N, C-alpha and C. Protein backbone atom coordinates (compact mmCIF):
# COMPACT_ATOMS: atom_id res chain seq x y z
N UNK A 1 31.30 47.84 -38.12
CA UNK A 1 32.51 48.20 -37.04
C UNK A 1 32.23 49.50 -36.66
N UNK A 2 31.66 50.55 -37.41
CA UNK A 2 31.60 51.93 -37.26
C UNK A 2 30.40 52.03 -36.11
N UNK A 3 29.35 51.29 -36.25
CA UNK A 3 28.39 51.18 -35.46
C UNK A 3 28.73 50.80 -34.09
N UNK A 4 29.62 49.66 -33.94
CA UNK A 4 30.03 49.27 -32.60
C UNK A 4 30.94 50.21 -31.91
N UNK A 5 31.70 50.97 -32.75
CA UNK A 5 32.49 51.99 -32.05
C UNK A 5 31.46 53.13 -31.57
N UNK A 6 30.65 53.34 -32.35
CA UNK A 6 29.60 54.43 -31.86
C UNK A 6 28.89 54.09 -30.64
N UNK A 7 28.45 52.80 -30.57
CA UNK A 7 27.85 52.31 -29.40
C UNK A 7 28.77 52.24 -28.19
N UNK A 8 29.96 51.95 -28.45
CA UNK A 8 31.04 51.99 -27.33
C UNK A 8 31.35 53.30 -26.92
N UNK A 9 31.40 54.34 -27.96
CA UNK A 9 31.59 55.69 -27.54
C UNK A 9 30.33 56.18 -26.70
N UNK A 10 29.08 55.91 -26.97
CA UNK A 10 27.90 56.23 -26.57
C UNK A 10 27.85 55.79 -24.96
N UNK A 11 28.48 54.39 -24.71
CA UNK A 11 28.53 53.98 -23.39
C UNK A 11 29.59 54.46 -22.55
N UNK A 12 30.78 54.71 -23.24
CA UNK A 12 31.86 55.39 -22.39
C UNK A 12 31.65 56.78 -21.83
N UNK A 13 30.88 57.46 -22.47
CA UNK A 13 30.60 58.77 -21.86
C UNK A 13 29.79 58.84 -20.67
N UNK A 14 28.77 58.01 -20.64
CA UNK A 14 28.18 57.90 -19.32
C UNK A 14 29.04 57.18 -18.09
N UNK A 15 29.83 56.36 -18.64
CA UNK A 15 30.82 55.58 -17.62
C UNK A 15 31.76 56.73 -17.16
N UNK A 16 32.28 57.69 -18.09
CA UNK A 16 33.07 58.71 -17.50
C UNK A 16 32.38 59.56 -16.49
N UNK A 17 31.28 59.89 -16.97
CA UNK A 17 30.44 60.88 -15.97
C UNK A 17 30.27 60.18 -14.81
N UNK A 18 29.79 58.82 -14.58
CA UNK A 18 29.61 58.07 -13.52
C UNK A 18 31.16 57.98 -12.57
N UNK A 19 32.26 57.73 -13.23
CA UNK A 19 33.37 57.81 -12.55
C UNK A 19 33.67 59.24 -11.98
N UNK A 20 33.46 60.23 -12.70
CA UNK A 20 33.67 61.49 -12.14
C UNK A 20 32.63 62.06 -11.02
N UNK A 21 31.44 61.39 -10.90
CA UNK A 21 30.66 61.55 -10.03
C UNK A 21 30.98 60.85 -8.69
N UNK A 22 31.55 59.61 -8.98
CA UNK A 22 31.96 58.87 -7.83
C UNK A 22 33.26 59.49 -7.18
N UNK A 23 34.15 60.13 -8.00
CA UNK A 23 35.31 60.89 -7.36
C UNK A 23 34.83 62.08 -6.53
N UNK A 24 33.81 62.68 -7.05
CA UNK A 24 33.23 64.05 -6.60
C UNK A 24 32.78 63.57 -5.09
N UNK A 25 32.00 62.51 -5.25
CA UNK A 25 31.30 62.16 -3.98
C UNK A 25 32.20 61.67 -2.97
N UNK A 26 33.43 60.93 -3.27
CA UNK A 26 34.42 60.46 -2.41
C UNK A 26 35.03 61.81 -1.88
N UNK A 27 35.22 62.72 -2.63
CA UNK A 27 35.85 64.07 -2.02
C UNK A 27 34.97 64.74 -1.09
N UNK A 28 33.74 64.52 -1.34
CA UNK A 28 32.79 65.38 -0.31
C UNK A 28 32.81 64.57 0.97
N UNK A 29 32.75 63.36 1.07
CA UNK A 29 32.59 62.62 2.17
C UNK A 29 33.93 62.66 3.00
N UNK A 30 34.96 62.51 2.34
CA UNK A 30 36.18 62.34 3.21
C UNK A 30 37.01 63.58 3.26
N UNK A 31 36.84 64.61 2.74
CA UNK A 31 37.61 65.84 2.49
C UNK A 31 38.46 65.98 1.47
N UNK A 32 39.56 64.98 1.48
CA UNK A 32 40.66 64.85 0.59
C UNK A 32 40.60 63.61 -0.14
N UNK A 33 40.93 63.50 -1.45
CA UNK A 33 41.02 62.46 -2.23
C UNK A 33 42.19 61.46 -1.57
N UNK A 34 42.99 62.13 -1.06
CA UNK A 34 44.27 61.37 -0.55
C UNK A 34 44.05 60.58 0.64
N UNK A 35 43.07 60.88 1.44
CA UNK A 35 42.58 60.28 2.75
C UNK A 35 41.81 59.03 2.29
N UNK A 36 41.09 58.96 1.19
CA UNK A 36 40.16 57.98 0.66
C UNK A 36 41.07 56.84 0.16
N UNK A 37 40.68 55.73 0.49
CA UNK A 37 41.33 54.53 -0.01
C UNK A 37 41.33 54.40 -1.40
N UNK A 38 42.34 54.34 -1.97
CA UNK A 38 42.45 54.22 -3.52
C UNK A 38 41.79 53.10 -3.92
N UNK A 39 41.62 52.02 -3.36
CA UNK A 39 40.95 50.81 -3.60
C UNK A 39 39.47 51.12 -3.79
N UNK A 40 38.79 51.96 -3.28
CA UNK A 40 37.25 52.07 -3.59
C UNK A 40 37.09 52.76 -4.93
N UNK A 41 37.97 53.66 -5.16
CA UNK A 41 37.86 54.37 -6.55
C UNK A 41 38.21 53.39 -7.58
N UNK A 42 39.05 52.55 -7.40
CA UNK A 42 39.49 51.45 -8.65
C UNK A 42 38.38 50.44 -8.62
N UNK A 43 37.77 50.32 -7.59
CA UNK A 43 36.50 49.27 -7.39
C UNK A 43 35.51 49.92 -8.41
N UNK A 44 35.28 51.26 -8.02
CA UNK A 44 34.08 51.84 -8.85
C UNK A 44 34.49 51.92 -10.44
N UNK A 45 35.70 52.16 -10.65
CA UNK A 45 36.21 52.21 -11.96
C UNK A 45 36.03 50.76 -12.68
N UNK A 46 36.40 49.82 -11.91
CA UNK A 46 36.28 48.37 -12.28
C UNK A 46 34.76 48.14 -12.54
N UNK A 47 33.95 48.50 -11.80
CA UNK A 47 32.52 48.28 -11.88
C UNK A 47 32.10 49.06 -13.09
N UNK A 48 32.50 50.25 -13.33
CA UNK A 48 31.98 50.86 -14.40
C UNK A 48 32.39 50.32 -15.77
N UNK A 49 33.76 49.95 -15.76
CA UNK A 49 34.18 49.09 -16.94
C UNK A 49 33.44 47.95 -17.36
N UNK A 50 33.34 47.16 -16.19
CA UNK A 50 32.60 45.86 -16.40
C UNK A 50 31.04 46.06 -16.79
N UNK A 51 30.61 47.14 -16.11
CA UNK A 51 28.98 47.50 -16.55
C UNK A 51 28.88 47.77 -18.10
N UNK A 52 29.98 48.78 -18.63
CA UNK A 52 30.16 49.08 -19.99
C UNK A 52 30.37 47.81 -20.90
N UNK A 53 31.16 46.97 -20.53
CA UNK A 53 31.49 45.96 -21.24
C UNK A 53 30.25 44.89 -21.34
N UNK A 54 29.53 44.80 -20.12
CA UNK A 54 28.39 43.94 -20.20
C UNK A 54 27.21 44.69 -21.06
N UNK A 55 27.05 45.90 -20.89
CA UNK A 55 26.02 46.70 -21.88
C UNK A 55 26.49 46.35 -23.31
N UNK A 56 27.72 46.56 -23.55
CA UNK A 56 28.17 46.46 -25.02
C UNK A 56 27.93 45.12 -25.50
N UNK A 57 28.15 44.10 -24.71
CA UNK A 57 28.15 42.71 -25.18
C UNK A 57 26.64 42.44 -25.24
N UNK A 58 25.75 42.98 -24.30
CA UNK A 58 24.19 42.77 -24.34
C UNK A 58 23.59 43.50 -25.60
N UNK A 59 24.04 44.52 -25.95
CA UNK A 59 23.61 45.28 -26.95
C UNK A 59 24.17 44.55 -28.36
N UNK A 60 25.54 44.14 -28.33
CA UNK A 60 26.13 43.79 -29.71
C UNK A 60 25.47 42.41 -29.97
N UNK A 61 25.59 41.50 -28.80
CA UNK A 61 25.12 40.22 -29.22
C UNK A 61 23.85 39.66 -28.74
N UNK A 62 23.43 40.30 -27.68
CA UNK A 62 22.13 39.90 -27.01
C UNK A 62 20.99 40.41 -27.92
N UNK A 63 21.16 41.87 -28.44
CA UNK A 63 19.94 42.16 -29.12
C UNK A 63 19.48 41.41 -30.34
N UNK A 64 20.51 40.88 -31.14
CA UNK A 64 20.00 39.98 -32.32
C UNK A 64 19.54 38.57 -31.82
N UNK A 65 20.15 38.07 -30.74
CA UNK A 65 19.77 36.81 -30.03
C UNK A 65 18.23 37.01 -29.52
N UNK A 66 18.01 38.22 -28.71
CA UNK A 66 16.72 38.32 -28.33
C UNK A 66 15.67 38.66 -29.44
N UNK A 67 16.20 39.40 -30.39
CA UNK A 67 15.37 39.83 -31.51
C UNK A 67 14.81 38.61 -32.32
N UNK A 68 15.87 37.61 -32.51
CA UNK A 68 15.41 36.30 -33.21
C UNK A 68 14.63 35.44 -32.36
N UNK A 69 14.70 35.30 -31.07
CA UNK A 69 14.07 34.85 -30.19
C UNK A 69 12.67 35.29 -30.26
N UNK A 70 12.61 36.51 -30.05
CA UNK A 70 11.27 37.31 -29.86
C UNK A 70 10.62 36.92 -31.27
N UNK A 71 11.29 37.03 -32.46
CA UNK A 71 10.67 36.61 -33.87
C UNK A 71 10.14 35.34 -33.90
N UNK A 72 10.93 34.47 -33.24
CA UNK A 72 10.40 32.94 -33.13
C UNK A 72 9.30 32.85 -32.27
N UNK A 73 9.19 33.41 -31.27
CA UNK A 73 8.21 33.48 -30.18
C UNK A 73 6.89 34.09 -30.86
N UNK A 74 7.10 35.19 -31.43
CA UNK A 74 5.85 35.87 -32.23
C UNK A 74 5.35 35.19 -33.16
N UNK A 75 6.18 34.36 -33.97
CA UNK A 75 6.01 33.59 -35.10
C UNK A 75 5.12 32.32 -34.58
N UNK A 76 5.64 31.85 -33.50
CA UNK A 76 4.69 30.73 -32.82
C UNK A 76 3.42 31.10 -32.06
N UNK A 77 3.66 32.42 -31.71
CA UNK A 77 2.16 32.75 -31.26
C UNK A 77 1.42 33.11 -32.32
N UNK A 78 1.83 33.72 -33.39
CA UNK A 78 0.86 33.99 -34.66
C UNK A 78 0.33 32.55 -35.15
N UNK A 79 1.36 31.50 -35.20
CA UNK A 79 0.91 30.14 -35.48
C UNK A 79 -0.07 29.63 -34.64
N UNK A 80 0.07 29.81 -33.35
CA UNK A 80 -1.00 29.18 -32.23
C UNK A 80 -2.16 29.81 -32.54
N UNK A 81 -2.07 31.13 -32.68
CA UNK A 81 -3.38 32.14 -32.75
C UNK A 81 -4.09 31.73 -34.11
N UNK A 82 -3.31 31.37 -35.11
CA UNK A 82 -4.19 30.92 -36.24
C UNK A 82 -4.68 29.42 -36.16
N UNK A 83 -3.96 28.63 -35.52
CA UNK A 83 -4.41 27.18 -35.09
C UNK A 83 -5.52 27.28 -34.06
N UNK A 84 -5.44 28.29 -33.09
CA UNK A 84 -6.70 28.49 -32.18
C UNK A 84 -7.99 28.96 -32.93
N UNK A 85 -7.68 29.78 -33.74
CA UNK A 85 -8.79 30.52 -34.43
C UNK A 85 -9.42 29.21 -35.47
N UNK A 86 -8.64 28.53 -35.98
CA UNK A 86 -9.11 27.49 -36.92
C UNK A 86 -9.72 26.29 -36.12
N UNK A 87 -9.16 26.15 -35.01
CA UNK A 87 -9.90 25.27 -33.94
C UNK A 87 -11.23 25.63 -33.41
N UNK A 88 -11.37 27.13 -33.26
CA UNK A 88 -12.40 27.56 -32.66
C UNK A 88 -13.55 27.67 -33.84
N UNK A 89 -13.15 27.83 -35.07
CA UNK A 89 -13.95 28.03 -36.38
C UNK A 89 -14.57 26.43 -36.47
N UNK A 90 -13.56 25.43 -36.37
CA UNK A 90 -14.14 24.10 -36.57
C UNK A 90 -15.04 23.74 -35.37
N UNK A 91 -14.68 24.01 -34.24
CA UNK A 91 -15.62 23.98 -33.00
C UNK A 91 -17.20 24.59 -33.34
N UNK A 92 -17.16 25.74 -33.74
CA UNK A 92 -18.37 26.35 -34.10
C UNK A 92 -19.02 25.71 -35.15
N UNK A 93 -18.38 25.13 -36.19
CA UNK A 93 -18.98 24.46 -37.25
C UNK A 93 -19.51 22.98 -36.83
N UNK A 94 -18.82 22.41 -35.95
CA UNK A 94 -19.27 21.17 -35.22
C UNK A 94 -20.48 21.61 -34.35
N UNK A 95 -20.39 22.57 -33.68
CA UNK A 95 -21.62 22.80 -32.78
C UNK A 95 -22.81 23.07 -33.78
N UNK A 96 -22.55 23.89 -34.67
CA UNK A 96 -23.85 23.96 -35.67
C UNK A 96 -24.20 22.83 -36.25
N UNK A 97 -23.30 21.81 -36.70
CA UNK A 97 -23.82 20.49 -37.28
C UNK A 97 -24.34 19.63 -36.09
N UNK A 98 -23.92 19.85 -35.00
CA UNK A 98 -24.55 19.05 -34.03
C UNK A 98 -26.14 19.52 -33.61
N UNK A 99 -26.19 20.82 -33.79
CA UNK A 99 -27.40 21.28 -33.61
C UNK A 99 -28.37 21.13 -34.72
N UNK A 100 -27.82 21.18 -36.00
CA UNK A 100 -28.60 20.76 -37.18
C UNK A 100 -28.87 19.38 -37.24
N UNK A 101 -27.95 18.62 -36.61
CA UNK A 101 -27.97 16.97 -36.86
C UNK A 101 -29.21 16.57 -36.04
N UNK A 102 -29.55 17.33 -34.93
CA UNK A 102 -30.71 16.89 -34.21
C UNK A 102 -31.98 17.05 -34.93
N UNK A 103 -31.93 18.27 -35.65
CA UNK A 103 -33.15 18.65 -36.43
C UNK A 103 -33.15 17.72 -37.76
N UNK A 104 -31.89 17.40 -38.33
CA UNK A 104 -32.13 16.36 -39.40
C UNK A 104 -32.72 15.12 -38.93
N UNK A 105 -32.20 14.61 -37.65
CA UNK A 105 -32.65 13.25 -37.04
C UNK A 105 -34.16 13.29 -36.99
N UNK A 106 -34.55 14.43 -36.38
CA UNK A 106 -35.98 14.50 -36.20
C UNK A 106 -36.77 14.50 -37.75
N UNK A 107 -36.22 15.24 -38.51
CA UNK A 107 -36.71 15.22 -39.90
C UNK A 107 -36.71 13.92 -40.51
N UNK A 108 -35.60 13.18 -40.42
CA UNK A 108 -35.47 11.90 -40.87
C UNK A 108 -36.63 11.00 -40.26
N UNK A 109 -36.56 11.15 -38.86
CA UNK A 109 -37.81 10.33 -38.24
C UNK A 109 -39.17 10.45 -38.69
N UNK A 110 -39.46 11.76 -38.91
CA UNK A 110 -40.73 12.20 -39.41
C UNK A 110 -41.05 11.89 -40.77
N UNK A 111 -39.94 11.79 -41.68
CA UNK A 111 -39.98 11.32 -43.08
C UNK A 111 -40.11 9.93 -42.98
N UNK A 112 -39.32 8.99 -42.29
CA UNK A 112 -39.53 7.63 -42.13
C UNK A 112 -40.81 7.14 -41.71
N UNK A 113 -41.37 8.01 -40.86
CA UNK A 113 -42.83 7.56 -40.22
C UNK A 113 -43.82 7.85 -41.40
N UNK A 114 -43.70 8.93 -42.01
CA UNK A 114 -44.67 9.07 -43.25
C UNK A 114 -44.41 8.18 -44.27
N UNK A 115 -43.10 7.79 -44.65
CA UNK A 115 -42.91 6.72 -45.70
C UNK A 115 -43.43 5.49 -45.33
N UNK A 116 -43.39 5.01 -44.03
CA UNK A 116 -43.88 3.77 -43.51
C UNK A 116 -45.22 3.89 -43.41
N UNK A 117 -45.80 4.81 -43.24
CA UNK A 117 -47.43 4.94 -43.15
C UNK A 117 -47.88 4.88 -44.53
N UNK A 118 -47.13 5.54 -45.47
CA UNK A 118 -47.45 5.43 -46.88
C UNK A 118 -47.47 4.07 -47.42
N UNK A 119 -46.15 3.52 -46.96
CA UNK A 119 -45.90 2.09 -47.52
C UNK A 119 -47.02 1.11 -46.90
N UNK A 120 -47.36 1.19 -45.72
CA UNK A 120 -48.33 0.31 -45.01
C UNK A 120 -49.61 0.46 -45.66
N UNK A 121 -50.27 1.79 -46.06
CA UNK A 121 -51.29 2.06 -46.76
C UNK A 121 -51.33 1.49 -48.09
N UNK A 122 -50.12 1.58 -48.77
CA UNK A 122 -50.03 0.96 -50.14
C UNK A 122 -50.16 -0.57 -50.03
N UNK A 123 -49.30 -1.16 -49.02
CA UNK A 123 -49.47 -2.48 -48.83
C UNK A 123 -50.99 -3.15 -48.53
N UNK A 124 -51.59 -2.36 -47.82
CA UNK A 124 -53.06 -2.61 -47.55
C UNK A 124 -53.79 -2.49 -48.75
N UNK A 125 -53.73 -1.53 -49.48
CA UNK A 125 -54.47 -1.38 -50.77
C UNK A 125 -54.16 -2.40 -51.72
N UNK A 126 -52.86 -2.81 -51.80
CA UNK A 126 -52.47 -3.81 -52.80
C UNK A 126 -53.05 -5.17 -52.31
N UNK A 127 -53.09 -5.52 -50.87
CA UNK A 127 -53.75 -6.60 -50.43
C UNK A 127 -55.08 -6.67 -50.48
N UNK A 128 -55.90 -5.48 -50.41
CA UNK A 128 -57.25 -5.54 -50.69
C UNK A 128 -57.54 -5.71 -52.18
N UNK A 129 -56.69 -5.02 -53.14
CA UNK A 129 -56.79 -5.29 -54.59
C UNK A 129 -56.69 -6.78 -54.94
N UNK A 130 -55.66 -7.47 -54.27
CA UNK A 130 -55.23 -8.78 -54.62
C UNK A 130 -56.37 -9.80 -54.12
N UNK A 131 -56.80 -9.34 -52.99
CA UNK A 131 -57.86 -10.12 -52.33
C UNK A 131 -59.22 -10.06 -53.35
N UNK A 132 -59.46 -9.16 -53.81
CA UNK A 132 -60.66 -8.77 -54.85
C UNK A 132 -60.38 -9.65 -56.11
N UNK A 133 -59.00 -9.46 -56.50
CA UNK A 133 -58.60 -10.27 -57.82
C UNK A 133 -58.86 -11.69 -57.59
N UNK A 134 -58.34 -12.25 -56.34
CA UNK A 134 -58.43 -13.53 -56.11
C UNK A 134 -59.86 -13.92 -55.93
N UNK A 135 -60.71 -13.04 -55.26
CA UNK A 135 -62.12 -13.49 -55.14
C UNK A 135 -62.85 -13.40 -56.47
N UNK A 136 -62.56 -12.53 -57.37
CA UNK A 136 -63.15 -12.47 -58.80
C UNK A 136 -62.72 -13.88 -59.63
N UNK A 137 -61.38 -14.17 -59.40
CA UNK A 137 -60.91 -15.26 -60.13
C UNK A 137 -61.37 -16.59 -59.57
N UNK A 138 -61.75 -16.67 -58.35
CA UNK A 138 -62.35 -17.80 -57.71
C UNK A 138 -63.79 -17.90 -58.19
N UNK A 139 -64.56 -16.80 -58.14
CA UNK A 139 -65.97 -16.74 -58.77
C UNK A 139 -66.00 -17.22 -60.04
N UNK A 140 -64.99 -16.51 -60.94
CA UNK A 140 -64.96 -16.97 -62.37
C UNK A 140 -64.64 -18.48 -62.44
N UNK A 141 -63.75 -19.16 -61.71
CA UNK A 141 -63.47 -20.32 -61.87
C UNK A 141 -64.68 -21.18 -61.20
N UNK A 142 -65.37 -20.67 -60.16
CA UNK A 142 -66.44 -21.51 -59.57
C UNK A 142 -67.55 -21.60 -60.94
N UNK A 143 -67.81 -20.19 -61.34
CA UNK A 143 -68.79 -20.14 -62.52
C UNK A 143 -68.44 -21.05 -63.57
N UNK A 144 -67.32 -20.99 -64.10
CA UNK A 144 -66.68 -21.88 -65.15
C UNK A 144 -66.98 -23.44 -64.75
N UNK A 145 -66.57 -23.89 -63.42
CA UNK A 145 -66.76 -25.20 -63.16
C UNK A 145 -68.18 -25.51 -62.93
N UNK A 146 -68.95 -24.64 -62.62
CA UNK A 146 -70.48 -24.82 -62.46
C UNK A 146 -71.09 -24.99 -63.99
N UNK A 147 -70.49 -24.21 -64.91
CA UNK A 147 -70.99 -24.22 -66.20
C UNK A 147 -70.65 -25.50 -66.86
N UNK A 148 -69.27 -25.89 -66.73
CA UNK A 148 -68.79 -27.07 -67.15
C UNK A 148 -69.48 -28.29 -66.47
N UNK A 149 -69.83 -28.22 -65.24
CA UNK A 149 -70.85 -29.23 -64.52
C UNK A 149 -72.12 -29.43 -65.17
N UNK A 150 -72.82 -28.23 -65.46
CA UNK A 150 -73.98 -28.29 -66.07
C UNK A 150 -74.09 -28.83 -67.51
N UNK A 151 -72.97 -28.42 -68.17
CA UNK A 151 -72.83 -28.79 -69.72
C UNK A 151 -72.76 -30.44 -69.50
N UNK A 152 -71.80 -30.83 -68.75
CA UNK A 152 -71.49 -32.33 -68.48
C UNK A 152 -72.73 -33.11 -68.07
N UNK A 153 -73.43 -32.36 -67.07
CA UNK A 153 -74.92 -32.85 -66.59
C UNK A 153 -75.95 -33.10 -67.59
N UNK A 154 -75.86 -31.86 -68.59
CA UNK A 154 -76.78 -31.89 -69.60
C UNK A 154 -76.42 -33.00 -70.65
N UNK A 155 -75.16 -33.23 -70.88
CA UNK A 155 -74.69 -34.27 -71.77
C UNK A 155 -74.98 -35.83 -71.20
N UNK A 156 -74.73 -35.81 -69.91
CA UNK A 156 -75.09 -36.94 -69.34
C UNK A 156 -76.65 -37.36 -69.32
N UNK A 157 -77.49 -36.47 -69.07
CA UNK A 157 -78.82 -36.31 -69.14
C UNK A 157 -79.32 -36.67 -70.57
N UNK A 158 -78.67 -36.06 -71.40
CA UNK A 158 -79.10 -36.42 -72.92
C UNK A 158 -78.73 -37.78 -73.27
N UNK A 159 -77.48 -38.20 -72.83
CA UNK A 159 -77.02 -39.65 -73.14
C UNK A 159 -77.90 -40.70 -72.35
N UNK A 160 -78.28 -40.26 -71.33
CA UNK A 160 -79.27 -41.26 -70.53
C UNK A 160 -80.66 -41.23 -70.99
N UNK A 161 -80.89 -40.06 -71.56
CA UNK A 161 -82.42 -39.89 -72.31
C UNK A 161 -82.34 -40.80 -73.40
N UNK A 162 -81.20 -40.49 -74.29
CA UNK A 162 -81.14 -41.20 -75.50
C UNK A 162 -81.14 -42.72 -75.35
N UNK A 163 -80.32 -43.23 -74.16
CA UNK A 163 -80.20 -44.51 -73.96
C UNK A 163 -81.63 -45.06 -73.50
N UNK A 164 -82.26 -44.40 -72.63
CA UNK A 164 -83.57 -44.79 -72.26
C UNK A 164 -84.55 -44.85 -73.38
N UNK A 165 -84.46 -43.75 -74.14
CA UNK A 165 -85.39 -43.73 -75.37
C UNK A 165 -85.15 -45.02 -76.40
N UNK A 166 -83.82 -45.27 -76.57
CA UNK A 166 -83.47 -46.29 -77.34
C UNK A 166 -83.93 -47.61 -76.74
N UNK A 167 -83.74 -47.77 -75.43
CA UNK A 167 -84.39 -49.15 -74.81
C UNK A 167 -85.66 -49.02 -74.96
N UNK A 168 -86.52 -47.96 -74.63
CA UNK A 168 -87.90 -47.94 -74.89
C UNK A 168 -88.28 -48.38 -76.29
N UNK A 169 -87.54 -47.68 -77.23
CA UNK A 169 -88.00 -47.77 -78.65
C UNK A 169 -87.77 -49.39 -79.14
N UNK A 170 -86.72 -49.76 -78.66
CA UNK A 170 -86.14 -51.23 -78.89
C UNK A 170 -87.35 -52.22 -78.41
N UNK A 171 -87.70 -51.79 -77.15
CA UNK A 171 -88.78 -52.54 -76.43
C UNK A 171 -90.04 -52.50 -77.24
N UNK A 172 -90.35 -51.26 -77.59
CA UNK A 172 -91.85 -51.13 -78.42
C UNK A 172 -91.66 -51.20 -79.93
N UNK A 173 -90.53 -51.31 -80.46
CA UNK A 173 -90.45 -51.27 -81.76
C UNK A 173 -90.68 -53.03 -82.17
N UNK A 174 -91.75 -53.01 -82.88
CA UNK A 174 -91.97 -54.30 -83.40
C UNK A 174 -91.99 -54.22 -84.92
N UNK A 175 -91.91 -55.33 -85.61
CA UNK A 175 -91.90 -55.07 -87.01
C UNK A 175 -93.26 -54.55 -87.64
N UNK A 176 -94.23 -54.75 -86.96
CA UNK A 176 -95.48 -53.95 -87.55
C UNK A 176 -95.34 -52.60 -87.30
N UNK A 177 -94.86 -52.15 -86.17
CA UNK A 177 -94.82 -50.62 -85.87
C UNK A 177 -93.79 -50.01 -86.77
N UNK A 178 -92.84 -50.71 -87.07
CA UNK A 178 -91.83 -50.35 -88.07
C UNK A 178 -92.38 -50.21 -89.45
N UNK A 179 -93.22 -51.02 -89.89
CA UNK A 179 -93.77 -50.92 -91.17
C UNK A 179 -94.79 -49.78 -91.26
N UNK A 180 -95.48 -49.59 -90.22
CA UNK A 180 -96.39 -48.48 -90.08
C UNK A 180 -95.62 -47.04 -89.98
N UNK A 181 -94.76 -47.07 -89.43
CA UNK A 181 -93.80 -45.73 -89.61
C UNK A 181 -93.20 -45.61 -90.90
N UNK A 182 -92.81 -46.44 -91.49
CA UNK A 182 -92.08 -46.27 -92.72
C UNK A 182 -93.31 -45.87 -93.80
N UNK A 183 -94.60 -46.45 -93.75
CA UNK A 183 -95.62 -46.11 -94.70
C UNK A 183 -96.04 -44.69 -94.50
N UNK A 184 -96.17 -44.35 -93.18
CA UNK A 184 -96.35 -43.04 -92.75
C UNK A 184 -95.32 -41.92 -93.36
N UNK A 185 -94.04 -42.30 -93.17
CA UNK A 185 -93.09 -41.40 -93.63
C UNK A 185 -93.06 -41.31 -95.29
N UNK A 186 -93.43 -42.30 -95.97
CA UNK A 186 -93.62 -42.36 -97.43
C UNK A 186 -94.63 -41.53 -97.82
N UNK A 187 -95.94 -41.73 -97.13
CA UNK A 187 -96.98 -40.90 -97.50
C UNK A 187 -96.81 -39.39 -97.20
N UNK A 188 -95.92 -39.08 -96.29
CA UNK A 188 -95.78 -37.74 -96.02
C UNK A 188 -94.86 -37.06 -97.04
N UNK A 189 -93.92 -37.98 -97.58
CA UNK A 189 -93.11 -37.37 -98.69
C UNK A 189 -93.91 -37.24 -100.06
N UNK A 190 -94.87 -38.10 -100.30
CA UNK A 190 -95.58 -37.97 -101.39
C UNK A 190 -96.48 -36.74 -101.43
N UNK A 191 -96.77 -36.44 -100.56
CA UNK A 191 -97.58 -35.18 -100.45
C UNK A 191 -96.79 -33.80 -100.60
N UNK A 192 -95.67 -33.75 -100.71
CA UNK A 192 -94.65 -32.86 -100.74
C UNK A 192 -94.24 -32.53 -102.26
N UNK A 193 -94.19 -31.22 -102.39
CA UNK A 193 -93.61 -31.15 -103.84
C UNK A 193 -92.16 -31.21 -104.07
N UNK A 194 -91.66 -31.50 -105.03
CA UNK A 194 -90.20 -31.86 -105.21
C UNK A 194 -89.39 -30.65 -105.21
């Protein structure tokens, strides 16, 4: 309350000075104050009173309102500036990521090509090794089959030879030949030591 009285007193002094200045001016213009219309003087006093009341109301109620509004606006500006800074930071990060993304894609492509070439070479090597193994296995199988065929052929030849020999022996073996063979065998046994 003391503050508002002090403010009102501070505004009343300039209003009084303005009113006196107005009276003095009116006196200079017209010569005597009686000749001036009293309405003009009261209009000016009315104006000064209204001006003082308006200034008082503006200071008393307008200042907190405008200060509160200014605080809200500056808080919103600060918040917007922070959001703008964050958005700019994110934009810079995104630009850096995009720039590095192209490099990473190029690196991935190069690495994928190297890996594909290495895999292709590995597959070729494995195919060559498998072909060699198959070839060796086939050779071994052929050799085994050939060996088995030779053994079978030898067995067949031996059987045929035995059969032929048996047939020849049975054709040429007569009882006289048998007796001569037995005699020869017995004589060969007599000459040996026991």
